[in-house]
Amino acid sequence: MAGSYPSWSSTATPQESQQLTEIMTCTSLPTNSDESDDEDDGLDKEALIELVRAYPCIWDIRSHMYKDQQKKKLAWQDIYTKMDQKHEGEKKE
């Protein structure tokens, strides 16, 4: 799986890289058109989208922060932490 993700992997620690890889693989699109969007994979996709939307440094190429790798790294770490906390909270219910 090495080399299949963008340049953040070269600036991240091994633990951060693993966390970011987990996030990226959880959001992959179905590879088969027969797969249902209704399948519960345990990922709150809408929450993830809202979190990513809150960090233009990740997605907005017009943003002055888009090229700032440190801001991107911190953004992905924050997203991972929030998604993990949300997932842990749902497991307790």
C-alpha atoms as a PDB file:
ATOM      1  CA  MET A   1       0.000   0.000   0.000  1.00  0.00           C
ATOM      2  CA  ALA A   2       3.046   2.253   0.290  1.00  0.00           C
ATOM      3  CA  GLY A   3       3.235   4.960  -2.327  1.00  0.00           C
ATOM      4  CA  SER A   4      -0.481   4.931  -3.060  1.00  0.00           C
ATOM      5  CA  TYR A   5      -1.295   8.125  -1.151  1.00  0.00           C
ATOM      6  CA  PRO A   6      -0.318  11.775  -1.617  1.00  0.00           C
ATOM      7  CA  SER A   7       2.775  13.556  -0.346  1.00  0.00           C
ATOM      8  CA  TRP A   8       1.542  13.866   3.270  1.00  0.00           C
ATOM      9  CA  SER A   9       2.836  10.346   3.799  1.00  0.00           C
ATOM     10  CA  SER A  10       6.427  11.519   3.382  1.00  0.00           C
ATOM     11  CA  THR A  11       6.099  14.134   6.159  1.00  0.00           C
ATOM     12  CA  ALA A  12       4.058  12.064   8.619  1.00  0.00           C
ATOM     13  CA  THR A  13       5.437   9.820  11.327  1.00  0.00           C
ATOM     14  CA  PRO A  14       4.733   6.088  10.863  1.00  0.00           C
ATOM     15  CA  GLN A  15       1.845   6.296  13.374  1.00  0.00           C
ATOM     16  CA  GLU A  16       0.354   9.364  11.665  1.00  0.00           C
ATOM     17  CA  SER A  17       0.771   7.746   8.296  1.00  0.00           C
ATOM     18  CA  GLN A  18      -1.102   4.656   9.521  1.00  0.00           C
ATOM     19  CA  GLN A  19      -3.905   6.802  10.957  1.00  0.00           C
ATOM     20  CA  LEU A  20      -4.226   8.802   7.758  1.00  0.00           C
ATOM     21  CA  THR A  21      -4.163   5.638   5.673  1.00  0.00           C
ATOM     22  CA  GLU A  22      -7.020   4.265   7.777  1.00  0.00           C
ATOM     23  CA  ILE A  23      -9.034   7.412   7.106  1.00  0.00           C
ATOM     24  CA  MET A  24      -8.324   7.314   3.397  1.00  0.00           C
ATOM     25  CA  THR A  25      -9.201   3.635   2.993  1.00  0.00           C
ATOM     26  CA  CYS A  26     -12.429   4.021   4.955  1.00  0.00           C
ATOM     27  CA  THR A  27     -13.668   6.583   2.472  1.00  0.00           C
ATOM     28  CA  SER A  28     -12.877   4.665  -0.703  1.00  0.00           C
ATOM     29  CA  LEU A  29     -15.640   4.341  -3.248  1.00  0.00           C
ATOM     30  CA  PRO A  30     -17.240   0.962  -3.968  1.00  0.00           C
ATOM     31  CA  THR A  31     -15.421  -0.900  -6.716  1.00  0.00           C
ATOM     32  CA  ASN A  32     -18.493  -2.783  -7.891  1.00  0.00           C
ATOM     33  CA  SER A  33     -21.660  -1.089  -9.087  1.00  0.00           C
ATOM     34  CA  ASP A  34     -23.662  -3.905  -7.419  1.00  0.00           C
ATOM     35  CA  GLU A  35     -22.511  -2.763  -3.968  1.00  0.00           C
ATOM     36  CA  SER A  36     -25.220  -0.957  -2.058  1.00  0.00           C
ATOM     37  CA  ASP A  37     -24.760   2.508  -0.585  1.00  0.00           C
ATOM     38  CA  ASP A  38     -26.990   1.328   2.249  1.00  0.00           C
ATOM     39  CA  GLU A  39     -24.328  -1.000   3.676  1.00  0.00           C
ATOM     40  CA  ASP A  40     -23.338   0.008   7.203  1.00  0.00           C
ATOM     41  CA  ASP A  41     -19.554   0.119   7.294  1.00  0.00           C
ATOM     42  CA  GLY A  42     -19.532   1.967  10.612  1.00  0.00           C
ATOM     43  CA  LEU A  43     -18.275   5.201   9.057  1.00  0.00           C
ATOM     44  CA  ASP A  44     -20.366   8.339   9.383  1.00  0.00           C
ATOM     45  CA  LYS A  45     -19.613   9.675   5.927  1.00  0.00           C
ATOM     46  CA  GLU A  46     -21.619  12.857   6.425  1.00  0.00           C
ATOM     47  CA  ALA A  47     -19.660  13.692   9.592  1.00  0.00           C
ATOM     48  CA  LEU A  48     -16.394  13.056   7.743  1.00  0.00           C
ATOM     49  CA  ILE A  49     -17.464  15.299   4.873  1.00  0.00           C
ATOM     50  CA  GLU A  50     -18.392  18.090   7.292  1.00  0.00           C
ATOM     51  CA  LEU A  51     -15.068  17.784   9.095  1.00  0.00           C
ATOM     52  CA  VAL A  52     -13.067  17.872   5.856  1.00  0.00           C
ATOM     53  CA  ARG A  53     -15.144  20.806   4.638  1.00  0.00           C
ATOM     54  CA  ALA A  54     -14.039  22.736   7.744  1.00  0.00           C
ATOM     55  CA  TYR A  55     -10.385  22.542   6.599  1.00  0.00           C
ATOM     56  CA  PRO A  56      -9.953  24.319   3.246  1.00  0.00           C
ATOM     57  CA  CYS A  57      -6.218  23.648   3.459  1.00  0.00           C
ATOM     58  CA  ILE A  58      -7.050  20.051   2.496  1.00  0.00           C
ATOM     59  CA  TRP A  59      -9.295  20.622  -0.489  1.00  0.00           C
ATOM     60  CA  ASP A  60      -9.392  24.261  -1.672  1.00  0.00           C
ATOM     61  CA  ILE A  61      -6.582  24.836  -4.149  1.00  0.00           C
ATOM     62  CA  ARG A  62      -7.351  28.587  -4.043  1.00  0.00           C
ATOM     63  CA  SER A  63      -6.619  28.739  -0.318  1.00  0.00           C
ATOM     64  CA  HIS A  64      -3.293  30.280   0.690  1.00  0.00           C
ATOM     65  CA  MET A  65      -2.995  27.392   3.178  1.00  0.00           C
ATOM     66  CA  TYR A  66      -3.399  24.653   0.542  1.00  0.00           C
ATOM     67  CA  LYS A  67       0.364  24.234   0.064  1.00  0.00           C
ATOM     68  CA  ASP A  68       1.080  24.274   3.804  1.00  0.00           C
ATOM     69  CA  GLN A  69       1.863  20.618   4.524  1.00  0.00           C
ATOM     70  CA  GLN A  70       1.990  21.196   8.291  1.00  0.00           C
ATOM     71  CA  LYS A  71      -1.550  22.644   8.304  1.00  0.00           C
ATOM     72  CA  LYS A  72      -2.769  19.682   6.229  1.00  0.00           C
ATOM     73  CA  LYS A  73      -1.091  17.254   8.595  1.00  0.00           C
ATOM     74  CA  LEU A  74      -2.673  18.910  11.635  1.00  0.00           C
ATOM     75  CA  ALA A  75      -6.058  19.026   9.900  1.00  0.00           C
ATOM     76  CA  TRP A  76      -6.005  15.296   9.123  1.00  0.00           C
ATOM     77  CA  GLN A  77      -4.902  14.535  12.684  1.00  0.00           C
ATOM     78  CA  ASP A  78      -7.799  16.572  14.047  1.00  0.00           C
ATOM     79  CA  ILE A  79     -10.260  14.884  11.695  1.00  0.00           C
ATOM     80  CA  TYR A  80      -8.952  11.460  12.686  1.00  0.00           C
ATOM     81  CA  THR A  81      -9.247  12.308  16.393  1.00  0.00           C
ATOM     82  CA  LYS A  82     -12.804  13.621  16.040  1.00  0.00           C
ATOM     83  CA  MET A  83     -13.928  10.650  13.938  1.00  0.00           C
ATOM     84  CA  ASP A  84     -12.306   8.242  16.389  1.00  0.00           C
ATOM     85  CA  GLN A  85     -14.023   9.943  19.351  1.00  0.00           C
ATOM     86  CA  LYS A  86     -17.354   9.813  17.537  1.00  0.00           C
ATOM     87  CA  HIS A  87     -16.858   6.127  16.739  1.00  0.00           C
ATOM     88  CA  GLU A  88     -15.878   5.312  20.345  1.00  0.00           C
ATOM     89  CA  GLY A  89     -18.946   7.197  21.610  1.00  0.00           C
ATOM     90  CA  GLU A  90     -21.229   5.222  19.288  1.00  0.00           C
ATOM     91  CA  LYS A  91     -19.689   1.907  20.413  1.00  0.00           C
ATOM     92  CA  LYS A  92     -20.585   2.709  24.040  1.00  0.00           C
ATOM     93  CA  GLU A  93     -24.261   3.294  23.203  1.00  0.00           C
END
